[in-house]
C-alpha atoms as a PDB file:
ATOM      1  CA  MET A   1    -108.907  44.760 197.610  1.00  0.00           C
ATOM      2  CA  LYS A   2    -105.166  45.587 197.951  1.00  0.00           C
ATOM      3  CA  GLN A   3    -103.815  49.120 197.558  1.00  0.00           C
ATOM      4  CA  TYR A   4    -100.189  50.005 197.138  1.00  0.00           C
ATOM      5  CA  LEU A   5     -97.554  52.556 197.833  1.00  0.00           C
ATOM      6  CA  GLU A   6     -95.050  53.446 195.133  1.00  0.00           C
ATOM      7  CA  SER A   7     -92.366  52.017 197.431  1.00  0.00           C
ATOM      8  CA  HIS A   8     -93.974  48.537 196.866  1.00  0.00           C
ATOM      9  CA  GLU A   9     -95.871  47.987 200.194  1.00  0.00           C
ATOM     10  CA  TRP A  10     -99.484  46.836 200.045  1.00  0.00           C
ATOM     11  CA  ALA A  11    -102.380  47.471 202.427  1.00  0.00           C
ATOM     12  CA  GLU A  12    -105.642  45.596 202.616  1.00  0.00           C
ATOM     13  CA  LYS A  13    -108.552  46.375 204.826  1.00  0.00           C
ATOM     14  CA  GLU A  14    -109.614  43.552 207.066  1.00  0.00           C
ATOM     15  CA  GLY A  15    -112.521  44.601 209.258  1.00  0.00           C
ATOM     16  CA  ASP A  16    -111.321  47.507 211.206  1.00  0.00           C
ATOM     17  CA  LEU A  17    -107.705  46.639 210.689  1.00  0.00           C
ATOM     18  CA  VAL A  18    -105.231  47.132 207.811  1.00  0.00           C
ATOM     19  CA  VAL A  19    -102.994  44.233 206.828  1.00  0.00           C
ATOM     20  CA  VAL A  20     -99.615  45.356 205.452  1.00  0.00           C
ATOM     21  CA  GLY A  21     -97.043  43.523 203.357  1.00  0.00           C
ATOM     22  CA  ILE A  22     -94.650  43.961 200.463  1.00  0.00           C
ATOM     23  CA  SER A  23     -95.659  43.368 196.880  1.00  0.00           C
ATOM     24  CA  ASP A  24     -94.719  40.296 194.846  1.00  0.00           C
ATOM     25  CA  HIS A  25     -92.623  42.660 192.661  1.00  0.00           C
ATOM     26  CA  ALA A  26     -90.656  43.811 195.713  1.00  0.00           C
ATOM     27  CA  GLN A  27     -89.891  40.366 196.921  1.00  0.00           C
ATOM     28  CA  SER A  28     -88.708  39.305 193.472  1.00  0.00           C
ATOM     29  CA  GLU A  29     -86.450  42.341 193.344  1.00  0.00           C
ATOM     30  CA  LEU A  30     -85.042  41.537 196.827  1.00  0.00           C
ATOM     31  CA  SER A  31     -84.557  37.927 195.886  1.00  0.00           C
ATOM     32  CA  ASP A  32     -83.985  35.523 198.844  1.00  0.00           C
ATOM     33  CA  VAL A  33     -85.377  37.106 202.025  1.00  0.00           C
ATOM     34  CA  VAL A  34     -83.236  35.939 204.984  1.00  0.00           C
ATOM     35  CA  PHE A  35     -84.514  38.104 207.854  1.00  0.00           C
ATOM     36  CA  VAL A  36     -87.589  40.158 208.655  1.00  0.00           C
ATOM     37  CA  ASP A  37     -87.036  42.759 211.427  1.00  0.00           C
ATOM     38  CA  LEU A  38     -90.558  42.683 212.781  1.00  0.00           C
ATOM     39  CA  PRO A  39     -91.615  45.734 214.935  1.00  0.00           C
ATOM     40  CA  ALA A  40     -93.261  45.354 218.341  1.00  0.00           C
ATOM     41  CA  VAL A  41     -97.026  45.122 218.770  1.00  0.00           C
ATOM     42  CA  GLY A  42     -98.157  48.476 220.049  1.00  0.00           C
ATOM     43  CA  LYS A  43     -95.694  50.456 217.918  1.00  0.00           C
ATOM     44  CA  VAL A  44     -97.329  53.592 216.468  1.00  0.00           C
ATOM     45  CA  LEU A  45     -96.793  54.194 212.762  1.00  0.00           C
ATOM     46  CA  ALA A  46     -96.852  57.345 210.679  1.00  0.00           C
ATOM     47  CA  ALA A  47     -97.994  57.020 207.041  1.00  0.00           C
ATOM     48  CA  GLY A  48     -95.056  57.148 204.577  1.00  0.00           C
ATOM     49  CA  LYS A  49     -92.430  56.627 207.360  1.00  0.00           C
ATOM     50  CA  SER A  50     -90.155  53.616 207.624  1.00  0.00           C
ATOM     51  CA  PHE A  51     -91.135  51.279 210.388  1.00  0.00           C
ATOM     52  CA  MET A  52     -89.159  47.976 209.801  1.00  0.00           C
ATOM     53  CA  ALA A  53     -86.739  46.328 207.506  1.00  0.00           C
ATOM     54  CA  VAL A  54     -86.688  43.200 205.355  1.00  0.00           C
ATOM     55  CA  GLU A  55     -83.184  41.773 204.579  1.00  0.00           C
ATOM     56  CA  SER A  56     -82.282  39.650 201.604  1.00  0.00           C
ATOM     57  CA  VAL A  57     -79.085  38.125 200.358  1.00  0.00           C
ATOM     58  CA  LYS A  58     -78.818  41.351 198.156  1.00  0.00           C
ATOM     59  CA  ALA A  59     -79.748  44.121 200.538  1.00  0.00           C
ATOM     60  CA  ALA A  60     -81.755  45.476 203.425  1.00  0.00           C
ATOM     61  CA  SER A  61     -84.840  47.368 202.511  1.00  0.00           C
ATOM     62  CA  ASP A  62     -86.805  49.772 204.671  1.00  0.00           C
ATOM     63  CA  ILE A  63     -90.554  49.106 204.774  1.00  0.00           C
ATOM     64  CA  TYR A  64     -92.857  52.164 204.823  1.00  0.00           C
ATOM     65  CA  ALA A  65     -96.224  52.440 206.542  1.00  0.00           C
ATOM     66  CA  PRO A  66     -99.114  52.820 204.108  1.00  0.00           C
ATOM     67  CA  VAL A  67    -101.314  54.250 206.923  1.00  0.00           C
ATOM     68  CA  SER A  68    -100.908  55.843 210.372  1.00  0.00           C
ATOM     69  CA  GLY A  69    -101.929  53.726 213.303  1.00  0.00           C
ATOM     70  CA  THR A  70    -100.956  51.199 215.961  1.00  0.00           C
ATOM     71  CA  ILE A  71     -99.578  47.719 215.218  1.00  0.00           C
ATOM     72  CA  THR A  72    -101.989  45.118 216.671  1.00  0.00           C
ATOM     73  CA  ALA A  73    -100.303  41.946 215.315  1.00  0.00           C
ATOM     74  CA  VAL A  74     -97.037  40.847 213.603  1.00  0.00           C
ATOM     75  CA  ASN A  75     -96.622  37.706 211.429  1.00  0.00           C
ATOM     76  CA  ALA A  76     -94.536  35.745 213.929  1.00  0.00           C
ATOM     77  CA  ALA A  77     -94.112  32.884 211.324  1.00  0.00           C
ATOM     78  CA  LEU A  78     -91.626  35.101 209.528  1.00  0.00           C
ATOM     79  CA  LYS A  79     -89.140  35.009 212.484  1.00  0.00           C
ATOM     80  CA  ASP A  80     -88.232  31.410 211.748  1.00  0.00           C
ATOM     81  CA  ASN A  81     -89.298  31.291 208.140  1.00  0.00           C
ATOM     82  CA  PRO A  82     -88.612  34.616 206.440  1.00  0.00           C
ATOM     83  CA  GLU A  83     -88.761  32.884 203.063  1.00  0.00           C
ATOM     84  CA  ILE A  84     -92.536  32.918 203.361  1.00  0.00           C
ATOM     85  CA  VAL A  85     -92.272  36.503 202.028  1.00  0.00           C
ATOM     86  CA  ASN A  86     -90.708  35.100 198.799  1.00  0.00           C
ATOM     87  CA  GLN A  87     -93.255  32.253 198.545  1.00  0.00           C
ATOM     88  CA  SER A  88     -96.405  34.240 199.221  1.00  0.00           C
ATOM     89  CA  ALA A  89     -95.633  37.965 199.525  1.00  0.00           C
ATOM     90  CA  GLU A  90     -99.201  39.111 199.076  1.00  0.00           C
ATOM     91  CA  LYS A  91    -100.967  36.485 201.254  1.00  0.00           C
ATOM     92  CA  ASP A  92     -99.109  34.393 203.876  1.00  0.00           C
ATOM     93  CA  GLY A  93     -96.152  36.683 203.901  1.00  0.00           C
ATOM     94  CA  TRP A  94     -98.005  39.642 205.392  1.00  0.00           C
ATOM     95  CA  LEU A  95     -95.867  41.708 207.872  1.00  0.00           C
ATOM     96  CA  VAL A  96     -98.152  43.478 210.317  1.00  0.00           C
ATOM     97  CA  LYS A  97    -101.773  44.320 211.091  1.00  0.00           C
ATOM     98  CA  VAL A  98    -102.488  47.929 211.992  1.00  0.00           C
ATOM     99  CA  LYS A  99    -105.504  49.658 213.688  1.00  0.00           C
ATOM    100  CA  PRO A 100    -105.550  52.817 211.548  1.00  0.00           C
ATOM    101  CA  SER A 101    -105.837  56.163 213.204  1.00  0.00           C
ATOM    102  CA  ASP A 102    -107.177  57.751 210.056  1.00  0.00           C
ATOM    103  CA  PRO A 103    -108.802  55.154 207.711  1.00  0.00           C
ATOM    104  CA  ALA A 104    -109.214  57.898 205.076  1.00  0.00           C
ATOM    105  CA  GLU A 105    -105.406  57.539 204.390  1.00  0.00           C
ATOM    106  CA  LEU A 106    -106.243  54.374 202.435  1.00  0.00           C
ATOM    107  CA  GLY A 107    -107.787  56.578 199.899  1.00  0.00           C
ATOM    108  CA  LYS A 108    -104.357  58.062 199.057  1.00  0.00           C
ATOM    109  CA  LEU A 109    -102.860  54.724 198.036  1.00  0.00           C
ATOM    110  CA  LEU A 110    -102.624  53.407 194.550  1.00  0.00           C
ATOM    111  CA  SER A 111    -105.112  50.912 193.149  1.00  0.00           C
ATOM    112  CA  GLU A 112    -103.696  47.644 191.996  1.00  0.00           C
ATOM    113  CA  GLU A 113    -104.189  48.608 188.389  1.00  0.00           C
ATOM    114  CA  THR A 114    -102.317  51.896 188.825  1.00  0.00           C
ATOM    115  CA  TYR A 115     -99.560  50.197 190.767  1.00  0.00           C
ATOM    116  CA  ARG A 116     -99.124  47.489 188.070  1.00  0.00           C
ATOM    117  CA  LYS A 117     -98.988  50.135 185.399  1.00  0.00           C
ATOM    118  CA  SER A 118     -96.243  52.028 187.377  1.00  0.00           C
ATOM    119  CA  LEU A 119     -94.090  48.874 187.252  1.00  0.00           C
ATOM    120  CA  ALA A 120     -94.215  48.824 183.486  1.00  0.00           C
ATOM    121  CA  HIS A 121     -92.396  52.165 183.183  1.00  0.00           C
END
């Protein structure tokens, strides 16, 4: 079950990790993604803080951490094929996997239903 930040990132629990990406809405707003500035494995994230950027033909956008923790994996396929974010933002276009330092932070995120309603405003 995906959960969302108002800034359009998603988080999904996968075992003891959290997979992070940007929403389909965010990728459509960005249009053609041309570069994903992936962080290093081992980088420590703070919930709500910017930790990387995604660049499109329109603009560069900061990506915010939905949870605090340590990056355990990055989606290396995005280095050569950043367009995967446009093609499959909420599946194959995931950005990083994080070992959360406080799994309770997931409880502060928006449900998919609440997030979708926020887009309608």
